[in-house]
């Protein structure tokens, strides 16, 4: 018995070591498999790196197929100017800085939803939609009906929703659109049902709408009545989305197509989906990230931007669960004298994530960071402003799940105009927030501190 158990343990250790993951992840899997052999093996086979590797290879094949199909189209697109940070996207995913002829930032769900519906109602060629959370509620029906109207005019419609994030948005809900000739796909439907796979990895956390290849939307807002003050009143979530027109929309289009083709959809990669656009004055770079890559562009960008900051770092995020690298970047920026202000929700939509986030507060504050909790409602915006000429709006939270485990997209805005505007919005938001005081952290009960510390152990999964 002892010989068999020893052989079992040694075999598992060798097996995990050969995966060459990070030391923390390697030790976590070893302890899990050794201590829970009956449960550990099935979990590892279903959630572990080998399963992810199979999906990564399949996704990479689809991504390369889209890249090859778009080679001729992209060759005709002018490359934009860039900065030192822009080389991250250029080197890791061959996406240079592009331009936008129009850039509008929406901080309210109703204004964004109205603009999207208006754009779809004016569409002439095609509409592409991708959401992590698409609710079959009042707002969901409103968007679906706009897509049906577009199909009635002969407009091509493709909509992709994440199967785990959008459990209510199924084929039955989209039946009017499908019957009208629209295309509908679910991203990686779970094989064992939603209940058992709600926290599984490899989700598309992106929020993208593209109209005629010339107008695009992305940011933190999903499509749900919780973002609408008309439907939810004062409890409507505070979020941010960016509306873009011009050449940069081609990079959003490509981002959508990679997930669409991977999900079993057709391959709409002809030139009509990438119409010629005039060069604009707004410099924008689209960064996309996902578990199909060995290096993660959004994570690399965040670390580099914060590390290079000289004056200020303004971070808005609903989930503050940094890894060692991003935590070190924030702390050292503050220690250098950079103003580092972080805005998080007072009450998040996940008690476990909120507890894990609070476990980092004192450490960050010791380094000189200021942390504010947004009081009125759920804060869901994902924004970063660095110094006077850099800002980002995207779908990625400040956590490992967004950095490494899910598909994300982010618009990097270069120039003082947008950085100044988003910094002003940050200042407006903190007038409705409370600065976290050290005495408040020290007043927490032992049970709460233990819960926060325990939640922190699960940070790599959040």
Protein backbone atom coordinates (compact mmCIF):
# COMPACT_ATOMS: atom_id res chain seq x y z
CA UNK A 1 0.00 0.00 0.00
CA UNK A 2 2.80 2.40 0.96
CA UNK A 3 4.72 1.56 -2.22
CA UNK A 4 1.68 2.16 -4.38
CA UNK A 5 0.89 5.45 -2.68
CA UNK A 6 4.47 6.63 -3.01
CA UNK A 7 4.54 5.70 -6.69
CA UNK A 8 1.27 7.57 -7.17
CA UNK A 9 2.58 10.74 -5.52
CA UNK A 10 5.93 10.67 -7.34
CA UNK A 11 4.19 10.14 -10.65
CA UNK A 12 1.86 13.06 -10.07
CA UNK A 13 4.69 15.36 -9.04
CA UNK A 14 6.70 14.50 -12.16
CA UNK A 15 3.63 14.94 -14.35
CA UNK A 16 2.85 18.41 -12.97
CA UNK A 17 6.48 19.56 -12.96
CA UNK A 18 6.79 18.78 -16.66
CA UNK A 19 3.95 21.23 -17.35
CA UNK A 20 6.37 24.06 -16.41
CA UNK A 21 3.76 26.39 -15.01
CA UNK A 22 4.49 29.13 -12.45
CA UNK A 23 5.87 27.88 -9.12
CA UNK A 24 2.71 28.93 -7.25
CA UNK A 25 0.38 27.21 -9.72
CA UNK A 26 2.59 24.10 -9.80
CA UNK A 27 2.59 23.77 -6.02
CA UNK A 28 -1.16 24.39 -5.86
CA UNK A 29 -1.89 21.59 -8.35
CA UNK A 30 0.55 19.20 -6.64
CA UNK A 31 -1.01 19.71 -3.21
CA UNK A 32 -4.51 19.47 -4.65
CA UNK A 33 -3.85 16.23 -6.50
CA UNK A 34 -1.91 14.63 -3.67
CA UNK A 35 -4.32 15.55 -0.88
CA UNK A 36 -7.50 14.93 -2.89
CA UNK A 37 -6.58 12.13 -5.29
CA UNK A 38 -10.16 11.05 -5.95
CA UNK A 39 -11.39 14.56 -6.67
CA UNK A 40 -8.15 16.13 -7.84
CA UNK A 41 -7.62 14.03 -10.97
CA UNK A 42 -11.07 14.72 -12.52
CA UNK A 43 -10.76 18.44 -11.72
CA UNK A 44 -7.28 18.58 -13.22
CA UNK A 45 -8.32 16.77 -16.40
CA UNK A 46 -11.34 19.04 -16.82
CA UNK A 47 -9.92 22.40 -15.74
CA UNK A 48 -6.18 21.93 -15.78
CA UNK A 49 -3.56 23.17 -18.24
CA UNK A 50 -3.75 20.16 -20.55
CA UNK A 51 -7.40 20.80 -21.34
CA UNK A 52 -6.63 24.47 -21.79
CA UNK A 53 -3.72 23.56 -24.06
CA UNK A 54 -5.99 21.58 -26.38
CA UNK A 55 -8.36 24.54 -26.61
CA UNK A 56 -5.46 26.94 -27.10
CA UNK A 57 -4.16 24.96 -30.04
CA UNK A 58 -7.61 24.78 -31.62
CA UNK A 59 -8.17 28.50 -31.08
CA UNK A 60 -4.72 29.30 -32.46
CA UNK A 61 -5.55 27.40 -35.63
CA UNK A 62 -8.72 29.46 -36.07
CA UNK A 63 -6.93 32.70 -35.25
CA UNK A 64 -4.24 32.01 -37.83
CA UNK A 65 -6.90 31.14 -40.40
CA UNK A 66 -8.52 34.54 -39.86
CA UNK A 67 -5.11 36.23 -40.00
CA UNK A 68 -4.29 34.59 -43.34
CA UNK A 69 -7.68 35.46 -44.75
CA UNK A 70 -7.23 39.09 -43.76
CA UNK A 71 -3.66 39.42 -45.00
CA UNK A 72 -4.58 41.10 -48.27
CA UNK A 73 -7.15 43.35 -46.61
CA UNK A 74 -4.82 44.54 -43.84
CA UNK A 75 -2.00 45.12 -46.30
CA UNK A 76 -4.04 47.96 -47.73
CA UNK A 77 -4.54 49.60 -44.33
CA UNK A 78 -2.15 52.42 -43.39
CA UNK A 79 -0.17 51.89 -40.20
CA UNK A 80 -0.50 54.50 -37.49
CA UNK A 81 2.13 56.28 -35.46
CA UNK A 82 2.92 54.95 -32.02
CA UNK A 83 4.67 55.40 -28.74
CA UNK A 84 7.01 53.16 -26.80
CA UNK A 85 4.08 51.44 -25.10
CA UNK A 86 2.44 50.82 -28.45
CA UNK A 87 5.23 48.40 -29.37
CA UNK A 88 3.76 45.90 -26.88
CA UNK A 89 0.71 45.39 -29.06
CA UNK A 90 2.73 45.54 -32.24
CA UNK A 91 5.18 42.87 -31.13
CA UNK A 92 2.80 40.54 -29.30
CA UNK A 93 -0.16 40.59 -31.69
CA UNK A 94 0.91 42.62 -34.75
CA UNK A 95 -1.58 45.40 -34.04
CA UNK A 96 -0.13 48.87 -34.66
CA UNK A 97 -1.62 52.12 -33.46
CA UNK A 98 -4.46 53.15 -35.74
CA UNK A 99 -6.69 56.21 -35.97
CA UNK A 100 -10.29 57.16 -35.35
CA UNK A 101 -12.16 59.96 -37.04
CA UNK A 102 -14.62 60.02 -34.13
CA UNK A 103 -14.27 58.96 -30.50
CA UNK A 104 -17.09 59.29 -27.98
CA UNK A 105 -17.00 57.99 -24.40
CA UNK A 106 -20.29 56.90 -22.82
CA UNK A 107 -20.54 56.77 -19.03
CA UNK A 108 -24.24 55.89 -18.83
CA UNK A 109 -25.94 52.75 -20.05
CA UNK A 110 -28.99 54.42 -21.55
CA UNK A 111 -26.98 56.83 -23.71
CA UNK A 112 -24.81 53.96 -24.93
CA UNK A 113 -27.75 51.65 -25.62
CA UNK A 114 -29.60 54.39 -27.51
CA UNK A 115 -26.54 55.05 -29.64
CA UNK A 116 -26.05 51.36 -30.44
CA UNK A 117 -29.70 50.93 -31.44
CA UNK A 118 -29.53 54.08 -33.54
CA UNK A 119 -26.42 52.77 -35.30
CA UNK A 120 -27.99 49.37 -35.98
CA UNK A 121 -31.11 51.02 -37.38
CA UNK A 122 -28.86 52.89 -39.83
CA UNK A 123 -26.77 49.83 -40.79
CA UNK A 124 -26.53 49.00 -44.49
CA UNK A 125 -24.13 46.04 -44.78
CA UNK A 126 -23.59 44.09 -41.57
CA UNK A 127 -23.83 44.15 -37.77
CA UNK A 128 -21.58 42.05 -35.52
CA UNK A 129 -22.31 41.68 -31.80
CA UNK A 130 -20.37 39.90 -29.05
CA UNK A 131 -21.20 39.95 -25.33
CA UNK A 132 -20.13 38.10 -22.23
CA UNK A 133 -23.43 38.89 -20.50
CA UNK A 134 -26.49 39.33 -22.66
CA UNK A 135 -29.67 39.18 -20.63
CA UNK A 136 -33.00 38.12 -22.10
CA UNK A 137 -34.68 41.08 -20.41
CA UNK A 138 -36.20 44.37 -21.57
CA UNK A 139 -32.95 45.72 -22.96
CA UNK A 140 -32.02 42.36 -24.45
CA UNK A 141 -35.30 42.22 -26.33
CA UNK A 142 -34.75 45.77 -27.51
CA UNK A 143 -31.39 44.92 -29.10
CA UNK A 144 -32.69 41.66 -30.55
CA UNK A 145 -35.61 43.47 -32.17
CA UNK A 146 -33.23 46.07 -33.68
CA UNK A 147 -31.20 43.22 -35.16
CA UNK A 148 -34.38 41.68 -36.59
CA UNK A 149 -35.24 45.01 -38.19
CA UNK A 150 -31.77 45.14 -39.71
CA UNK A 151 -32.22 41.66 -41.18
CA UNK A 152 -35.51 42.85 -42.65
CA UNK A 153 -33.51 45.43 -44.63
CA UNK A 154 -31.10 42.74 -45.87
CA UNK A 155 -28.31 43.57 -43.41
CA UNK A 156 -26.11 40.63 -42.37
CA UNK A 157 -26.32 39.99 -38.63
CA UNK A 158 -24.00 37.87 -36.51
CA UNK A 159 -24.29 37.66 -32.74
CA UNK A 160 -22.03 35.75 -30.37
CA UNK A 161 -22.73 35.39 -26.64
CA UNK A 162 -20.76 33.57 -24.00
CA UNK A 163 -22.57 30.40 -23.03
CA UNK A 164 -21.73 30.71 -19.32
CA UNK A 165 -22.15 34.48 -19.00
CA UNK A 166 -25.43 34.56 -20.94
CA UNK A 167 -27.45 31.52 -19.83
CA UNK A 168 -30.80 33.13 -20.70
CA UNK A 169 -29.77 34.27 -24.20
CA UNK A 170 -30.36 31.04 -26.07
CA UNK A 171 -31.63 30.13 -29.52
CA UNK A 172 -35.23 30.31 -28.32
CA UNK A 173 -34.84 33.93 -27.30
CA UNK A 174 -33.19 34.75 -30.64
CA UNK A 175 -35.70 32.71 -32.66
CA UNK A 176 -37.14 35.81 -34.46
CA UNK A 177 -33.63 36.78 -35.55
CA UNK A 178 -32.67 33.25 -36.62
CA UNK A 179 -35.91 32.88 -38.57
CA UNK A 180 -35.12 36.18 -40.32
CA UNK A 181 -31.77 34.78 -41.45
CA UNK A 182 -29.51 36.13 -38.70
CA UNK A 183 -26.57 34.08 -37.44
CA UNK A 184 -26.36 33.18 -33.74
CA UNK A 185 -23.57 31.35 -31.89
CA UNK A 186 -22.78 30.55 -28.26
CA UNK A 187 -19.15 30.64 -27.20
CA UNK A 188 -17.98 27.31 -25.75
CA UNK A 189 -21.26 25.85 -24.44
CA UNK A 190 -20.56 23.77 -21.31
CA UNK A 191 -21.01 20.06 -21.73
CA UNK A 192 -22.24 19.38 -18.21
CA UNK A 193 -24.64 22.26 -17.75
CA UNK A 194 -24.42 25.81 -16.46
CA UNK A 195 -24.67 24.86 -12.76
CA UNK A 196 -21.42 22.91 -12.80
CA UNK A 197 -19.42 25.13 -15.10
CA UNK A 198 -20.24 28.66 -14.01
CA UNK A 199 -16.69 29.50 -13.00
CA UNK A 200 -14.85 27.65 -15.71
CA UNK A 201 -12.11 29.34 -17.65
CA UNK A 202 -11.74 30.20 -21.32
CA UNK A 203 -14.73 32.54 -21.51
CA UNK A 204 -15.14 35.47 -23.87
CA UNK A 205 -15.47 38.46 -21.55
CA UNK A 206 -15.55 40.86 -24.49
CA UNK A 207 -18.26 43.41 -25.28
CA UNK A 208 -18.18 44.42 -28.94
CA UNK A 209 -20.63 45.89 -31.44
CA UNK A 210 -19.51 46.65 -35.01
CA UNK A 211 -21.69 48.32 -37.63
CA UNK A 212 -20.73 48.22 -41.32
CA UNK A 213 -17.06 47.94 -40.38
CA UNK A 214 -16.85 51.68 -39.79
CA UNK A 215 -18.31 52.11 -36.30
CA UNK A 216 -17.49 50.07 -33.23
CA UNK A 217 -18.26 49.98 -29.51
CA UNK A 218 -16.35 48.31 -26.69
CA UNK A 219 -15.82 48.72 -22.96
CA UNK A 220 -17.19 47.43 -19.69
CA UNK A 221 -20.93 47.45 -20.41
CA UNK A 222 -22.67 44.17 -21.02
CA UNK A 223 -26.17 44.20 -22.48
CA UNK A 224 -28.48 44.09 -19.48
CA UNK A 225 -31.18 46.15 -17.80
CA UNK A 226 -28.89 46.54 -14.78
CA UNK A 227 -26.99 49.15 -16.82
CA UNK A 228 -30.16 51.13 -17.62
CA UNK A 229 -31.44 53.84 -15.28
CA UNK A 230 -34.76 53.63 -17.11
CA UNK A 231 -35.13 50.03 -15.96
CA UNK A 232 -33.12 49.96 -12.72
CA UNK A 233 -33.38 53.52 -11.44
CA UNK A 234 -30.62 54.80 -9.16
CA UNK A 235 -29.20 51.28 -8.75
CA UNK A 236 -28.14 51.19 -12.43
CA UNK A 237 -24.48 50.20 -12.70
CA UNK A 238 -21.85 52.90 -13.32
CA UNK A 239 -19.85 51.84 -16.37
CA UNK A 240 -17.96 53.16 -19.39
CA UNK A 241 -17.96 52.34 -23.10
CA UNK A 242 -16.11 53.90 -26.02
CA UNK A 243 -17.60 54.51 -29.47
CA UNK A 244 -15.13 54.56 -32.36
CA UNK A 245 -15.31 55.38 -36.05
CA UNK A 246 -12.62 55.05 -38.68
CA UNK A 247 -9.65 52.83 -39.41
CA UNK A 248 -9.30 51.42 -35.90
CA UNK A 249 -12.64 49.62 -36.20
CA UNK A 250 -10.90 47.10 -38.46
CA UNK A 251 -9.00 45.82 -35.42
CA UNK A 252 -12.23 45.43 -33.46
CA UNK A 253 -13.64 43.57 -36.46
CA UNK A 254 -10.73 41.17 -36.46
CA UNK A 255 -11.14 40.62 -32.72
CA UNK A 256 -14.77 39.64 -33.22
CA UNK A 257 -14.00 37.38 -36.17
CA UNK A 258 -11.44 35.31 -34.26
CA UNK A 259 -14.01 34.30 -31.66
CA UNK A 260 -16.78 33.95 -34.23
CA UNK A 261 -14.86 31.53 -36.42
CA UNK A 262 -13.63 29.60 -33.39
CA UNK A 263 -17.26 29.19 -32.29
CA UNK A 264 -18.20 27.49 -35.53
CA UNK A 265 -19.46 30.47 -37.48
CA UNK A 266 -18.70 31.27 -41.09
CA UNK A 267 -15.60 33.25 -42.07
CA UNK A 268 -16.66 36.73 -43.24
CA UNK A 269 -13.19 38.02 -44.10
CA UNK A 270 -13.66 39.62 -47.50
CA UNK A 271 -12.86 43.27 -48.13
CA UNK A 272 -16.43 44.44 -47.65
CA UNK A 273 -16.12 43.80 -43.92
CA UNK A 274 -13.06 46.07 -43.86
CA UNK A 275 -14.09 49.13 -45.86
CA UNK A 276 -11.52 51.88 -46.52
CA UNK A 277 -11.67 54.71 -44.01
CA UNK A 278 -10.05 58.10 -43.85
CA UNK A 279 -7.26 58.63 -41.35
CA UNK A 280 -8.44 60.41 -38.23
CA UNK A 281 -6.81 62.56 -35.58
CA UNK A 282 -7.45 60.28 -32.59
CA UNK A 283 -4.68 57.71 -32.01
CA UNK A 284 -6.13 54.41 -30.79
CA UNK A 285 -4.73 50.92 -30.43
CA UNK A 286 -6.87 47.82 -29.91
CA UNK A 287 -5.29 45.22 -27.64
CA UNK A 288 -6.85 41.79 -27.45
CA UNK A 289 -5.81 39.15 -24.98
CA UNK A 290 -6.76 35.59 -24.19
CA UNK A 291 -5.63 32.22 -22.87
CA UNK A 292 -4.65 31.16 -26.39
CA UNK A 293 -1.43 33.15 -25.98
CA UNK A 294 1.74 32.44 -24.04
CA UNK A 295 2.26 36.16 -23.34
CA UNK A 296 -0.69 38.36 -22.42
CA UNK A 297 -0.72 41.79 -24.13
CA UNK A 298 -3.18 43.52 -21.79
CA UNK A 299 -1.34 42.39 -18.68
CA UNK A 300 2.00 43.39 -20.21
CA UNK A 301 0.59 46.79 -21.15
CA UNK A 302 -0.79 47.50 -17.68
CA UNK A 303 2.49 46.59 -16.03
CA UNK A 304 4.54 48.66 -18.46
CA UNK A 305 2.26 51.70 -18.33
CA UNK A 306 2.18 51.79 -14.54
CA UNK A 307 5.92 51.19 -14.30
CA UNK A 308 6.64 54.07 -16.70
CA UNK A 309 4.26 56.51 -14.95
CA UNK A 310 5.84 59.76 -13.75
CA UNK A 311 2.93 61.81 -12.43
CA UNK A 312 -0.28 59.88 -11.93
CA UNK A 313 -1.98 56.50 -12.19
CA UNK A 314 -5.77 56.60 -11.94
CA UNK A 315 -7.27 53.11 -11.90
CA UNK A 316 -10.98 52.30 -11.90
CA UNK A 317 -11.83 48.63 -11.59
CA UNK A 318 -14.69 46.57 -10.15
CA UNK A 319 -12.33 43.73 -9.23
CA UNK A 320 -8.98 44.65 -7.68
CA UNK A 321 -7.20 41.31 -7.34
CA UNK A 322 -3.67 42.00 -8.61
CA UNK A 323 -1.06 39.36 -9.22
CA UNK A 324 2.45 39.78 -7.86
CA UNK A 325 3.64 41.76 -10.89
CA UNK A 326 0.79 44.28 -11.07
CA UNK A 327 0.80 44.66 -7.28
CA UNK A 328 4.51 45.46 -7.37
CA UNK A 329 3.99 47.92 -10.24
CA UNK A 330 1.34 49.86 -8.30
CA UNK A 331 3.37 49.91 -5.08
CA UNK A 332 6.64 50.97 -6.67
CA UNK A 333 4.89 53.71 -8.66
CA UNK A 334 3.52 55.14 -5.42
CA UNK A 335 6.89 54.77 -3.70
CA UNK A 336 8.45 56.81 -6.53
CA UNK A 337 6.09 59.66 -5.66
CA UNK A 338 3.58 59.01 -8.43
CA UNK A 339 -0.01 59.74 -7.47
CA UNK A 340 -1.69 56.32 -7.47
CA UNK A 341 -5.45 56.48 -6.89
CA UNK A 342 -7.63 53.38 -7.13
CA UNK A 343 -11.44 53.43 -7.32
CA UNK A 344 -13.39 50.25 -6.55
CA UNK A 345 -17.04 49.56 -5.71
CA UNK A 346 -18.16 49.75 -2.09
CA UNK A 347 -20.29 46.66 -2.67
CA UNK A 348 -19.21 44.40 -5.51
CA UNK A 349 -21.35 41.76 -7.15
CA UNK A 350 -19.17 38.98 -5.71
CA UNK A 351 -18.60 38.78 -1.95
CA UNK A 352 -15.56 36.53 -2.40
CA UNK A 353 -13.87 38.87 -4.91
CA UNK A 354 -14.62 41.94 -2.78
CA UNK A 355 -13.08 40.22 0.24
CA UNK A 356 -9.98 39.26 -1.74
CA UNK A 357 -9.66 42.85 -2.96
CA UNK A 358 -9.83 44.25 0.57
CA UNK A 359 -6.97 41.98 1.59
CA UNK A 360 -4.69 44.11 -0.64
CA UNK A 361 -5.83 47.51 0.64
CA UNK A 362 -3.45 47.97 3.57
CA UNK A 363 -0.44 46.76 1.59
CA UNK A 364 -1.19 49.24 -1.18
CA UNK A 365 -1.89 52.06 1.26
CA UNK A 366 1.40 51.39 3.07
CA UNK A 367 3.17 52.11 -0.24
CA UNK A 368 1.31 55.41 -0.65
CA UNK A 369 -1.65 54.41 -2.84
CA UNK A 370 -5.04 55.97 -2.12
CA UNK A 371 -8.11 53.75 -2.38
CA UNK A 372 -11.67 54.95 -2.76
CA UNK A 373 -14.90 52.97 -2.60
CA UNK A 374 -17.67 54.12 -4.94
CA UNK A 375 -20.82 54.38 -2.85
CA UNK A 376 -23.97 55.03 -4.95
CA UNK A 377 -24.17 51.78 -6.95
CA UNK A 378 -22.18 48.95 -8.47
CA UNK A 379 -19.08 50.33 -10.21
CA UNK A 380 -18.26 48.20 -13.26
CA UNK A 381 -16.03 50.51 -15.35
CA UNK A 382 -12.52 49.40 -16.32
CA UNK A 383 -10.40 52.52 -16.84
CA UNK A 384 -6.77 53.50 -16.53
CA UNK A 385 -5.26 56.97 -16.91
CA UNK A 386 -1.48 57.35 -16.83
CA UNK A 387 0.16 60.78 -16.75
CA UNK A 388 -1.22 63.35 -19.20
CA UNK A 389 -1.44 61.45 -22.47
CA UNK A 390 -2.52 57.84 -21.98
CA UNK A 391 -5.83 56.24 -21.12
CA UNK A 392 -7.49 52.87 -21.60
CA UNK A 393 -11.10 51.68 -21.78
CA UNK A 394 -11.76 47.99 -22.02
CA UNK A 395 -13.34 44.81 -20.78
CA UNK A 396 -10.44 43.59 -18.63
CA UNK A 397 -10.69 43.72 -14.86
CA UNK A 398 -7.57 44.10 -12.73
CA UNK A 399 -7.38 40.41 -11.88
CA UNK A 400 -5.82 37.18 -13.05
CA UNK A 401 -9.00 35.96 -14.73
CA UNK A 402 -8.99 38.91 -17.10
CA UNK A 403 -5.22 38.95 -17.52
CA UNK A 404 -4.81 35.24 -18.35
CA UNK A 405 -7.97 33.13 -18.28
CA UNK A 406 -10.56 34.97 -20.39
CA UNK A 407 -10.70 36.65 -23.79
CA UNK A 408 -10.58 40.43 -23.36
CA UNK A 409 -10.25 43.54 -25.50
CA UNK A 410 -9.07 47.04 -24.66
CA UNK A 411 -8.86 50.36 -26.48
CA UNK A 412 -5.72 52.33 -25.69
CA UNK A 413 -6.21 56.07 -26.24
CA UNK A 414 -3.07 58.10 -26.90
CA UNK A 415 -3.08 61.86 -26.44
CA UNK A 416 -3.93 64.50 -23.88
CA UNK A 417 -7.55 65.07 -24.95
CA UNK A 418 -8.92 61.70 -23.89
CA UNK A 419 -6.62 61.32 -20.88
CA UNK A 420 -7.77 64.72 -19.59
CA UNK A 421 -11.45 63.86 -20.11
CA UNK A 422 -11.19 60.48 -18.38
CA UNK A 423 -9.18 61.98 -15.53
CA UNK A 424 -11.98 64.53 -15.07
CA UNK A 425 -14.51 61.69 -14.93
CA UNK A 426 -12.34 59.96 -12.32
CA UNK A 427 -12.31 63.12 -10.20
CA UNK A 428 -16.09 63.33 -10.55
CA UNK A 429 -16.48 59.71 -9.47
CA UNK A 430 -14.37 60.07 -6.33
CA UNK A 431 -16.59 62.95 -5.17
CA UNK A 432 -19.23 60.21 -4.76
CA UNK A 433 -16.78 57.82 -3.14
CA UNK A 434 -15.26 57.34 0.31
CA UNK A 435 -11.53 57.29 0.89
CA UNK A 436 -10.53 54.11 2.69
CA UNK A 437 -8.94 54.90 6.06
CA UNK A 438 -6.52 52.63 7.84
CA UNK A 439 -8.61 52.78 11.01
CA UNK A 440 -11.54 51.27 9.10
CA UNK A 441 -9.44 48.27 8.15
CA UNK A 442 -8.24 47.85 11.74
CA UNK A 443 -11.82 47.87 13.01
CA UNK A 444 -12.72 44.78 11.05
CA UNK A 445 -13.56 41.70 13.06
CA UNK A 446 -11.21 38.74 13.24
CA UNK A 447 -13.75 36.67 11.31
CA UNK A 448 -13.83 39.23 8.48
CA UNK A 449 -10.04 39.46 8.31
CA UNK A 450 -9.80 35.69 8.17
CA UNK A 451 -12.40 35.61 5.40
CA UNK A 452 -10.50 38.21 3.40
CA UNK A 453 -7.22 36.36 3.86
CA UNK A 454 -8.84 33.10 2.87
CA UNK A 455 -10.40 34.71 -0.21
CA UNK A 456 -6.97 36.01 -1.18
CA UNK A 457 -5.73 32.43 -1.52
CA UNK A 458 -8.10 32.06 -4.48
CA UNK A 459 -6.79 35.20 -6.22
CA UNK A 460 -5.25 33.23 -9.14
CA UNK A 461 -8.73 31.91 -9.97
CA UNK A 462 -10.48 35.31 -9.80
